[in-house]
């Protein structure tokens, strides 16, 4: 579909979930630069459901987003202590 782009980044390790990555997307003569991390997705999901009335959230998805956030925090703490 026009004006839509898809970025895929496979195999993100635990220590890299919170790492911001820079993607450059070329479209003709135009170059778009996007900064994104695994936590960007988590943030977007939690923000989407934050102000929704009860019953209109996907609890499984919001629980998954919270779990990924907590996993990222634990991984960051682990790898900082190892480093």
C-alpha atoms as a PDB file:
ATOM      1  CA  UNK A   1       0.000   0.000   0.000  1.00  0.00           C
ATOM      2  CA  UNK A   2       1.265   3.503  -0.783  1.00  0.00           C
ATOM      3  CA  UNK A   3       3.082   5.459   1.932  1.00  0.00           C
ATOM      4  CA  UNK A   4       3.464   2.480   4.259  1.00  0.00           C
ATOM      5  CA  UNK A   5       6.771   0.930   5.204  1.00  0.00           C
ATOM      6  CA  UNK A   6       7.649  -2.235   7.055  1.00  0.00           C
ATOM      7  CA  UNK A   7      10.828  -2.700   9.087  1.00  0.00           C
ATOM      8  CA  UNK A   8      11.901  -6.090  10.342  1.00  0.00           C
ATOM      9  CA  UNK A   9      14.747  -6.730  12.747  1.00  0.00           C
ATOM     10  CA  UNK A  10      15.090 -10.392  13.669  1.00  0.00           C
ATOM     11  CA  UNK A  11      16.893 -12.028  16.572  1.00  0.00           C
ATOM     12  CA  UNK A  12      17.006  -9.189  19.078  1.00  0.00           C
ATOM     13  CA  UNK A  13      18.826 -10.498  22.159  1.00  0.00           C
ATOM     14  CA  UNK A  14      17.773  -9.800  25.735  1.00  0.00           C
ATOM     15  CA  UNK A  15      20.516  -7.225  26.226  1.00  0.00           C
ATOM     16  CA  UNK A  16      19.406  -5.343  23.101  1.00  0.00           C
ATOM     17  CA  UNK A  17      15.657  -4.947  23.729  1.00  0.00           C
ATOM     18  CA  UNK A  18      16.118  -1.423  25.082  1.00  0.00           C
ATOM     19  CA  UNK A  19      18.816  -0.492  22.525  1.00  0.00           C
ATOM     20  CA  UNK A  20      17.670   2.118  20.025  1.00  0.00           C
ATOM     21  CA  UNK A  21      18.420   1.171  16.437  1.00  0.00           C
ATOM     22  CA  UNK A  22      18.509   3.542  13.492  1.00  0.00           C
ATOM     23  CA  UNK A  23      16.886   2.490  10.223  1.00  0.00           C
ATOM     24  CA  UNK A  24      17.189   4.336   6.942  1.00  0.00           C
ATOM     25  CA  UNK A  25      14.464   3.753   4.395  1.00  0.00           C
ATOM     26  CA  UNK A  26      14.960   4.872   0.816  1.00  0.00           C
ATOM     27  CA  UNK A  27      11.948   5.841  -1.240  1.00  0.00           C
ATOM     28  CA  UNK A  28      13.068   7.254  -4.557  1.00  0.00           C
ATOM     29  CA  UNK A  29      15.145  10.346  -3.778  1.00  0.00           C
ATOM     30  CA  UNK A  30      13.804  10.558  -0.246  1.00  0.00           C
ATOM     31  CA  UNK A  31      15.527   8.920   2.743  1.00  0.00           C
ATOM     32  CA  UNK A  32      13.549   8.460   5.948  1.00  0.00           C
ATOM     33  CA  UNK A  33      15.430   7.900   9.196  1.00  0.00           C
ATOM     34  CA  UNK A  34      13.597   6.065  11.962  1.00  0.00           C
ATOM     35  CA  UNK A  35      14.818   5.328  15.479  1.00  0.00           C
ATOM     36  CA  UNK A  36      13.151   2.342  17.086  1.00  0.00           C
ATOM     37  CA  UNK A  37      13.721  -0.259  19.794  1.00  0.00           C
ATOM     38  CA  UNK A  38      11.917  -3.278  21.156  1.00  0.00           C
ATOM     39  CA  UNK A  39      10.659  -1.033  23.925  1.00  0.00           C
ATOM     40  CA  UNK A  40       9.193   1.379  21.350  1.00  0.00           C
ATOM     41  CA  UNK A  41       6.676  -1.317  20.486  1.00  0.00           C
ATOM     42  CA  UNK A  42       5.987  -1.962  24.180  1.00  0.00           C
ATOM     43  CA  UNK A  43       5.463   1.757  24.788  1.00  0.00           C
ATOM     44  CA  UNK A  44       3.054   2.054  21.849  1.00  0.00           C
ATOM     45  CA  UNK A  45       0.948  -0.878  23.075  1.00  0.00           C
ATOM     46  CA  UNK A  46       0.784   0.401  26.660  1.00  0.00           C
ATOM     47  CA  UNK A  47      -0.077   3.941  25.507  1.00  0.00           C
ATOM     48  CA  UNK A  48      -2.780   2.618  23.195  1.00  0.00           C
ATOM     49  CA  UNK A  49      -4.549   0.838  26.029  1.00  0.00           C
ATOM     50  CA  UNK A  50      -3.744   3.249  28.877  1.00  0.00           C
ATOM     51  CA  UNK A  51      -6.826   5.443  28.513  1.00  0.00           C
ATOM     52  CA  UNK A  52      -9.248   2.892  27.098  1.00  0.00           C
ATOM     53  CA  UNK A  53     -12.458   2.187  29.009  1.00  0.00           C
ATOM     54  CA  UNK A  54     -12.618  -1.157  30.819  1.00  0.00           C
ATOM     55  CA  UNK A  55     -13.329  -4.050  28.543  1.00  0.00           C
ATOM     56  CA  UNK A  56     -11.880  -2.456  25.423  1.00  0.00           C
ATOM     57  CA  UNK A  57      -8.309  -3.602  25.962  1.00  0.00           C
ATOM     58  CA  UNK A  58      -6.622  -6.733  24.761  1.00  0.00           C
ATOM     59  CA  UNK A  59      -5.431  -7.976  28.151  1.00  0.00           C
ATOM     60  CA  UNK A  60      -3.201 -10.627  26.602  1.00  0.00           C
ATOM     61  CA  UNK A  61      -1.388  -8.044  24.491  1.00  0.00           C
ATOM     62  CA  UNK A  62      -1.020  -5.514  27.297  1.00  0.00           C
ATOM     63  CA  UNK A  63       0.178  -8.266  29.677  1.00  0.00           C
ATOM     64  CA  UNK A  64       2.724  -9.344  27.065  1.00  0.00           C
ATOM     65  CA  UNK A  65       3.933  -5.746  26.668  1.00  0.00           C
ATOM     66  CA  UNK A  66       4.338  -5.390  30.438  1.00  0.00           C
ATOM     67  CA  UNK A  67       6.214  -8.706  30.613  1.00  0.00           C
ATOM     68  CA  UNK A  68       8.601  -7.660  27.822  1.00  0.00           C
ATOM     69  CA  UNK A  69       9.273  -4.393  29.660  1.00  0.00           C
ATOM     70  CA  UNK A  70      10.027  -6.202  32.932  1.00  0.00           C
ATOM     71  CA  UNK A  71      12.220  -8.710  31.080  1.00  0.00           C
ATOM     72  CA  UNK A  72      14.149  -5.852  29.474  1.00  0.00           C
ATOM     73  CA  UNK A  73      14.712  -4.157  32.840  1.00  0.00           C
ATOM     74  CA  UNK A  74      15.968  -7.435  34.343  1.00  0.00           C
ATOM     75  CA  UNK A  75      18.247  -8.054  31.346  1.00  0.00           C
ATOM     76  CA  UNK A  76      19.666  -4.519  31.520  1.00  0.00           C
ATOM     77  CA  UNK A  77      20.391  -4.965  35.235  1.00  0.00           C
ATOM     78  CA  UNK A  78      21.972  -8.366  34.639  1.00  0.00           C
ATOM     79  CA  UNK A  79      24.247  -7.246  31.813  1.00  0.00           C
ATOM     80  CA  UNK A  80      25.293  -4.060  33.663  1.00  0.00           C
ATOM     81  CA  UNK A  81      26.347  -6.159  36.666  1.00  0.00           C
ATOM     82  CA  UNK A  82      28.213  -8.566  34.357  1.00  0.00           C
ATOM     83  CA  UNK A  83      29.978  -5.772  32.481  1.00  0.00           C
END
